[in-house]
Amino acid sequence: MTGGLALLGLWPLLRACGLSSWPQLGIVSLKPHRRELARGLFIGFASLLALWALSLLLGARVLAIGTGNIWGVLGAAAAAAIIVGILEELLFRGALFGLLRQSLDWRLALALSSVIYALAHFLRGTDLPGPVTWKSGLELFPLMFRNLADFHLLIPTFLNLTLVGSAFALAFQRTGALYGSIGLHAAWIFWLKAFLTISQPATGASVAWWGGNNLLNGWLALPFLAGACLLVLRWTPAKSYG
């Protein structure tokens, strides 16, 4: 919902900057891009499945399949993956990356948009401390980014999320459409939620290395995400913007 509202709020700015049509945001006919969607899904599934399997093999996670409605949980995970994947790709790759690469080299635009994407995941809701005044916004802003002060949370999570954003932007850049990045994004969201449902961190497992409840919060995710970026680069045909 937040991503959709943000995209609607950006629409006047996008039009003013020349991004006034769906194709310019990466939404074109799906038919010629079905393989890119499939590649994104495969890379997302394979990379996190390999990381999860390694964590099980080395005892960092243990299976925890309960008796609850697991299919309902997985169905909800799939729905969330589709909705969030589409909205965030429209916002961060179609809109933000699309705007930045109009005036910057696409490599710099990719890096900058990926850093912003990573930072956005550190935003936290907060309550206003006291009555609303002219400086309330200034007081809330640092509170919303309070997680940045936690070094152990910031590193390696920030590096991993920057790599994640880079993989998405690279898929968009090379194909000129968002379907590859949507597939990759949706696959990662689904598996992060699914693995949390069917497994849990083992007692004593290092959160810094294995990520705890979120596999992307640990150092061991870094080479798998880098590998996903390399697969996108090597396996995606280049039909890039500009």
Protein backbone atom coordinates (compact mmCIF):
# COMPACT_ATOMS: atom_id res chain seq x y z
CA MET A 1 0.00 0.00 0.00
CA THR A 2 2.79 2.43 0.93
CA GLY A 3 4.64 1.74 -2.32
CA GLY A 4 1.46 2.33 -4.34
CA LEU A 5 0.73 5.62 -2.59
CA ALA A 6 4.33 6.74 -3.08
CA LEU A 7 4.13 5.94 -6.80
CA LEU A 8 0.88 7.90 -7.13
CA GLY A 9 2.48 10.81 -5.31
CA LEU A 10 5.45 10.67 -7.67
CA TRP A 11 3.32 10.68 -10.80
CA PRO A 12 3.28 14.47 -11.28
CA LEU A 13 7.07 14.55 -10.86
CA LEU A 14 7.51 11.67 -13.30
CA ARG A 15 5.40 13.44 -15.91
CA ALA A 16 7.37 16.66 -15.41
CA CYS A 17 10.62 14.74 -15.92
CA GLY A 18 9.43 13.02 -19.09
CA LEU A 19 8.42 9.61 -17.67
CA SER A 20 4.79 9.89 -18.66
CA SER A 21 3.99 6.42 -20.03
CA TRP A 22 4.01 2.83 -18.80
CA PRO A 23 6.70 1.69 -21.28
CA GLN A 24 9.06 4.36 -19.91
CA LEU A 25 8.53 2.82 -16.46
CA GLY A 26 9.35 -0.64 -17.79
CA ILE A 27 5.78 -1.93 -18.19
CA VAL A 28 5.48 -3.23 -21.77
CA SER A 29 3.90 -6.26 -23.38
CA LEU A 30 4.73 -9.38 -21.36
CA LYS A 31 4.84 -11.81 -24.28
CA PRO A 32 8.36 -10.97 -25.59
CA HIS A 33 9.67 -10.80 -22.00
CA ARG A 34 8.32 -14.07 -20.59
CA ARG A 35 11.77 -15.66 -20.56
CA GLU A 36 13.13 -12.71 -18.59
CA LEU A 37 10.39 -13.19 -15.99
CA ALA A 38 11.21 -16.91 -15.83
CA ARG A 39 14.93 -16.18 -15.47
CA GLY A 40 14.28 -13.75 -12.64
CA LEU A 41 12.13 -16.29 -10.81
CA PHE A 42 14.73 -19.03 -11.31
CA ILE A 43 17.68 -16.92 -10.13
CA GLY A 44 15.70 -15.78 -7.08
CA PHE A 45 14.55 -19.28 -6.16
CA ALA A 46 17.94 -20.91 -6.79
CA SER A 47 20.06 -18.35 -4.91
CA LEU A 48 18.04 -18.29 -1.68
CA LEU A 49 17.32 -22.03 -1.83
CA ALA A 50 21.07 -22.67 -1.95
CA LEU A 51 21.67 -20.32 0.99
CA TRP A 52 18.87 -21.91 3.02
CA ALA A 53 20.07 -25.45 2.20
CA LEU A 54 23.58 -24.53 3.33
CA SER A 55 22.24 -23.13 6.59
CA LEU A 56 20.38 -26.41 7.21
CA LEU A 57 23.38 -28.52 6.25
CA LEU A 58 25.69 -26.64 8.62
CA GLY A 59 23.16 -26.64 11.46
CA ALA A 60 22.48 -22.91 11.47
CA ARG A 61 18.75 -23.53 10.88
CA VAL A 62 16.44 -26.39 11.77
CA LEU A 63 13.22 -27.51 10.14
CA ALA A 64 10.11 -26.43 12.03
CA ILE A 65 7.09 -27.54 10.02
CA GLY A 66 4.14 -27.23 12.37
CA THR A 67 0.61 -28.52 12.12
CA GLY A 68 -0.93 -25.16 11.22
CA ASN A 69 -2.26 -24.04 7.85
CA ILE A 70 1.07 -24.03 6.04
CA TRP A 71 -0.59 -23.78 2.62
CA GLY A 72 -2.49 -20.70 3.74
CA VAL A 73 0.75 -19.15 4.97
CA LEU A 74 2.55 -19.96 1.71
CA GLY A 75 -0.38 -18.61 -0.28
CA ALA A 76 -0.22 -15.35 1.65
CA ALA A 77 3.55 -15.26 1.05
CA ALA A 78 2.98 -15.69 -2.69
CA ALA A 79 0.39 -12.90 -2.74
CA ALA A 80 2.69 -10.57 -0.81
CA ALA A 81 5.59 -11.44 -3.13
CA ILE A 82 3.60 -10.52 -6.24
CA ILE A 83 2.15 -7.28 -4.85
CA VAL A 84 5.34 -6.00 -3.23
CA GLY A 85 7.48 -7.13 -6.16
CA ILE A 86 5.40 -5.16 -8.65
CA LEU A 87 4.96 -2.03 -6.53
CA GLU A 88 8.58 -1.74 -5.39
CA GLU A 89 9.93 -2.37 -8.88
CA LEU A 90 7.68 0.33 -10.29
CA LEU A 91 8.78 2.74 -7.56
CA PHE A 92 12.50 2.04 -7.21
CA ARG A 93 13.50 0.79 -10.64
CA GLY A 94 10.88 2.14 -13.05
CA ALA A 95 10.55 5.56 -11.38
CA LEU A 96 13.67 6.26 -9.31
CA PHE A 97 16.30 4.48 -11.42
CA GLY A 98 14.51 5.64 -14.57
CA LEU A 99 14.72 9.26 -13.47
CA LEU A 100 18.33 9.09 -12.30
CA ARG A 101 19.67 7.54 -15.48
CA GLN A 102 18.19 10.38 -17.53
CA SER A 103 20.86 12.72 -16.17
CA LEU A 104 23.54 10.33 -14.87
CA ASP A 105 25.57 7.49 -16.31
CA TRP A 106 23.42 4.38 -15.82
CA ARG A 107 26.09 2.76 -13.61
CA LEU A 108 26.07 5.69 -11.21
CA ALA A 109 22.27 5.78 -11.35
CA LEU A 110 22.20 2.06 -10.53
CA ALA A 111 24.49 2.51 -7.52
CA LEU A 112 22.63 5.56 -6.20
CA SER A 113 19.16 4.04 -6.61
CA SER A 114 20.34 0.82 -4.94
CA VAL A 115 21.69 2.72 -1.93
CA ILE A 116 18.40 4.62 -1.62
CA TYR A 117 16.52 1.31 -1.88
CA ALA A 118 18.63 -0.15 0.92
CA LEU A 119 18.17 2.93 3.12
CA ALA A 120 14.39 2.81 2.60
CA HIS A 121 14.31 -0.58 4.32
CA PHE A 122 15.71 0.99 7.49
CA LEU A 123 12.76 3.38 7.79
CA ARG A 124 10.66 2.64 10.85
CA GLY A 125 7.33 4.06 11.90
CA THR A 126 7.39 6.21 15.00
CA ASP A 127 5.01 8.22 17.17
CA LEU A 128 5.33 11.94 17.54
CA PRO A 129 6.82 12.79 20.97
CA GLY A 130 4.41 15.48 22.11
CA PRO A 131 2.04 17.91 20.35
CA VAL A 132 2.37 18.77 16.67
CA THR A 133 4.46 21.90 16.07
CA TRP A 134 6.28 23.51 13.13
CA LYS A 135 9.35 21.39 13.88
CA SER A 136 7.55 18.04 14.30
CA GLY A 137 8.79 16.79 10.93
CA LEU A 138 12.38 17.60 11.84
CA GLU A 139 11.97 15.69 15.11
CA LEU A 140 10.45 12.64 13.44
CA PHE A 141 12.99 12.31 10.62
CA PRO A 142 15.98 11.11 12.71
CA LEU A 143 13.67 8.80 14.68
CA MET A 144 12.54 7.13 11.46
CA PHE A 145 16.17 6.29 10.65
CA ARG A 146 17.16 5.30 14.19
CA ASN A 147 18.10 1.79 13.03
CA LEU A 148 21.04 3.27 11.13
CA ALA A 149 22.71 3.90 14.49
CA ASP A 150 22.83 0.13 15.14
CA PHE A 151 26.09 -0.91 13.47
CA HIS A 152 25.39 -4.63 13.79
CA LEU A 153 22.03 -4.16 12.06
CA LEU A 154 23.43 -1.80 9.44
CA ILE A 155 26.30 -4.08 8.42
CA PRO A 156 25.93 -6.44 6.57
CA THR A 157 22.20 -5.85 6.02
CA PHE A 158 22.81 -2.55 4.23
CA LEU A 159 25.43 -4.10 1.93
CA ASN A 160 23.15 -7.03 1.15
CA LEU A 161 20.15 -4.82 0.37
CA THR A 162 22.32 -2.64 -1.87
CA LEU A 163 23.33 -5.77 -3.79
CA VAL A 164 19.68 -6.78 -3.97
CA GLY A 165 18.75 -3.40 -5.45
CA SER A 166 21.68 -3.64 -7.86
CA ALA A 167 20.49 -7.02 -9.16
CA PHE A 168 17.00 -5.63 -9.78
CA ALA A 169 18.29 -2.49 -11.51
CA LEU A 170 20.72 -4.49 -13.63
CA ALA A 171 17.91 -6.74 -14.86
CA PHE A 172 15.86 -3.66 -15.81
CA GLN A 173 18.83 -1.93 -17.47
CA ARG A 174 19.72 -4.91 -19.63
CA THR A 175 16.19 -5.71 -20.79
CA GLY A 176 14.37 -2.38 -20.83
CA ALA A 177 11.45 -4.02 -19.02
CA LEU A 178 10.65 -4.69 -15.37
CA TYR A 179 9.62 -8.34 -15.70
CA GLY A 180 13.01 -9.83 -14.92
CA SER A 181 13.43 -7.70 -11.81
CA ILE A 182 9.82 -8.35 -10.73
CA GLY A 183 10.40 -12.10 -11.02
CA LEU A 184 13.65 -11.92 -9.05
CA HIS A 185 12.11 -9.65 -6.41
CA ALA A 186 8.98 -11.78 -6.00
CA ALA A 187 11.01 -14.99 -5.71
CA TRP A 188 13.21 -13.56 -2.97
CA ILE A 189 10.25 -12.23 -0.97
CA PHE A 190 8.38 -15.51 -1.26
CA TRP A 191 11.32 -17.63 -0.13
CA LEU A 192 12.24 -15.33 2.74
CA LYS A 193 8.70 -15.73 4.08
CA ALA A 194 8.51 -19.45 3.24
CA PHE A 195 11.79 -20.32 4.95
CA LEU A 196 10.64 -18.44 8.03
CA THR A 197 7.53 -20.64 8.04
CA ILE A 198 9.21 -24.02 7.59
CA SER A 199 12.44 -23.46 9.54
CA GLN A 200 13.90 -21.42 12.37
CA PRO A 201 17.37 -20.35 13.51
CA ALA A 202 19.17 -23.03 15.51
CA THR A 203 20.01 -22.25 19.10
CA GLY A 204 23.37 -20.51 19.25
CA ALA A 205 23.60 -19.84 15.50
CA SER A 206 25.36 -16.57 14.77
CA VAL A 207 22.85 -13.93 13.69
CA ALA A 208 25.66 -11.88 12.15
CA TRP A 209 26.65 -14.77 9.88
CA TRP A 210 23.31 -16.47 9.20
CA GLY A 211 20.86 -13.59 9.53
CA GLY A 212 18.55 -14.97 12.20
CA ASN A 213 14.94 -14.83 11.00
CA ASN A 214 15.93 -12.98 7.83
CA LEU A 215 18.50 -14.75 5.67
CA LEU A 216 19.49 -11.44 4.03
CA ASN A 217 20.70 -9.99 7.33
CA GLY A 218 23.78 -12.23 7.55
CA TRP A 219 27.25 -12.14 6.00
CA LEU A 220 26.76 -15.55 4.35
CA ALA A 221 24.08 -14.05 2.10
CA LEU A 222 26.63 -11.72 0.50
CA PRO A 223 28.28 -14.22 -1.91
CA PHE A 224 24.90 -15.67 -2.91
CA LEU A 225 23.56 -12.21 -3.73
CA ALA A 226 26.75 -11.36 -5.62
CA GLY A 227 26.31 -14.62 -7.54
CA ALA A 228 22.74 -13.62 -8.38
CA CYS A 229 24.01 -10.28 -9.74
CA LEU A 230 26.56 -12.14 -11.86
CA LEU A 231 23.87 -14.49 -13.21
CA VAL A 232 21.71 -11.51 -14.15
CA LEU A 233 24.68 -9.92 -15.93
CA ARG A 234 25.78 -13.07 -17.76
CA TRP A 235 22.44 -14.67 -18.50
CA THR A 236 20.23 -11.70 -19.40
CA PRO A 237 20.35 -10.59 -23.03
CA ALA A 238 21.33 -6.93 -23.30
CA LYS A 239 18.58 -4.81 -24.81
CA SER A 240 19.26 -1.93 -22.50
CA TYR A 241 18.09 1.64 -22.16
CA GLY A 242 20.31 4.24 -23.76
